């Protein structure tokens, strides 16, 4: 399974990103999360496949989370915060 995704960067916390389906954009992301995330800044769009190598996330897990929840939140390394 592959999916075109948009990746948004948080202006509030370095290395925090939201991965979402390209067509759905931020429509399935809970408002409470967006409020804590800050105004999302589009970082890039990519075709994501389970085999694709990502710097700090497992592509297969990202795809599964987008499918089930509508988004994947990548927290900065070592950040125990649960913003979902």
Protein backbone atom coordinates (compact mmCIF):
# COMPACT_ATOMS: atom_id res chain seq x y z
CA UNK A 1 0.00 0.00 0.00
CA UNK A 2 1.25 3.46 -0.84
CA UNK A 3 -0.25 6.83 -0.08
CA UNK A 4 0.48 10.40 -1.02
CA UNK A 5 1.00 12.26 2.27
CA UNK A 6 1.52 15.83 3.39
CA UNK A 7 3.88 16.48 6.25
CA UNK A 8 3.37 19.53 8.45
CA UNK A 9 5.91 21.02 10.86
CA UNK A 10 4.97 22.48 14.23
CA UNK A 11 6.00 26.09 14.82
CA UNK A 12 5.95 25.45 18.59
CA UNK A 13 8.28 22.49 18.92
CA UNK A 14 11.34 21.64 16.85
CA UNK A 15 11.24 18.21 15.15
CA UNK A 16 7.49 17.72 15.70
CA UNK A 17 5.61 16.74 12.55
CA UNK A 18 2.11 15.68 11.48
CA UNK A 19 1.76 13.21 8.62
CA UNK A 20 -1.66 13.20 6.92
CA UNK A 21 -3.30 11.90 3.76
CA UNK A 22 -2.68 14.41 0.96
CA UNK A 23 -6.33 14.65 -0.12
CA UNK A 24 -7.73 14.82 3.43
CA UNK A 25 -5.09 17.24 4.69
CA UNK A 26 -5.88 18.21 8.30
CA UNK A 27 -9.60 17.34 8.24
CA UNK A 28 -9.24 14.26 10.49
CA UNK A 29 -6.79 15.77 12.99
CA UNK A 30 -8.52 16.56 16.31
CA UNK A 31 -8.86 20.29 17.03
CA UNK A 32 -7.30 19.84 20.47
CA UNK A 33 -4.15 18.44 18.87
CA UNK A 34 -4.02 21.27 16.32
CA UNK A 35 -4.38 23.81 19.15
CA UNK A 36 -1.35 22.34 20.94
CA UNK A 37 0.60 21.74 17.70
CA UNK A 38 0.32 25.37 16.59
CA UNK A 39 -0.40 26.67 13.08
CA UNK A 40 0.79 23.78 10.87
CA UNK A 41 3.43 24.75 8.33
CA UNK A 42 3.51 22.49 5.27
CA UNK A 43 6.98 20.94 5.08
CA UNK A 44 6.66 18.59 2.10
CA UNK A 45 4.56 16.04 0.25
CA UNK A 46 5.79 12.53 -0.52
CA UNK A 47 4.58 9.20 -1.87
CA UNK A 48 4.88 6.98 1.20
CA UNK A 49 5.29 3.22 0.86
CA UNK A 50 5.97 0.66 3.62
CA UNK A 51 9.48 0.21 2.23
CA UNK A 52 10.38 3.89 2.30
CA UNK A 53 13.05 4.89 4.78
CA UNK A 54 12.11 7.74 7.12
CA UNK A 55 14.50 9.46 9.50
CA UNK A 56 12.55 8.99 12.75
CA UNK A 57 9.53 6.86 11.96
CA UNK A 58 8.60 3.48 10.55
CA UNK A 59 6.80 4.05 7.24
CA UNK A 60 4.52 1.04 7.70
CA UNK A 61 3.41 2.32 11.12
CA UNK A 62 2.89 5.83 9.75
CA UNK A 63 0.67 4.47 6.97
CA UNK A 64 -1.33 2.33 9.38
CA UNK A 65 -1.87 5.26 11.77
CA UNK A 66 -2.99 7.55 8.94
CA UNK A 67 -5.42 4.88 7.77
CA UNK A 68 -6.93 4.31 11.22
CA UNK A 69 -6.75 7.73 12.88
CA UNK A 70 -6.29 10.13 9.98
CA UNK A 71 -2.86 11.34 11.06
CA UNK A 72 0.51 10.32 12.50
CA UNK A 73 2.20 12.58 15.05
CA UNK A 74 5.99 12.43 15.14
CA UNK A 75 7.37 13.79 18.40
CA UNK A 76 10.93 15.06 18.85
CA UNK A 77 13.46 12.42 19.92
CA UNK A 78 13.26 11.74 23.65
CA UNK A 79 10.02 13.71 24.08
CA UNK A 80 7.61 11.71 26.27
CA UNK A 81 4.73 14.18 25.67
CA UNK A 82 1.47 12.67 24.54
CA UNK A 83 -0.30 15.32 22.50
CA UNK A 84 -2.90 13.11 20.86
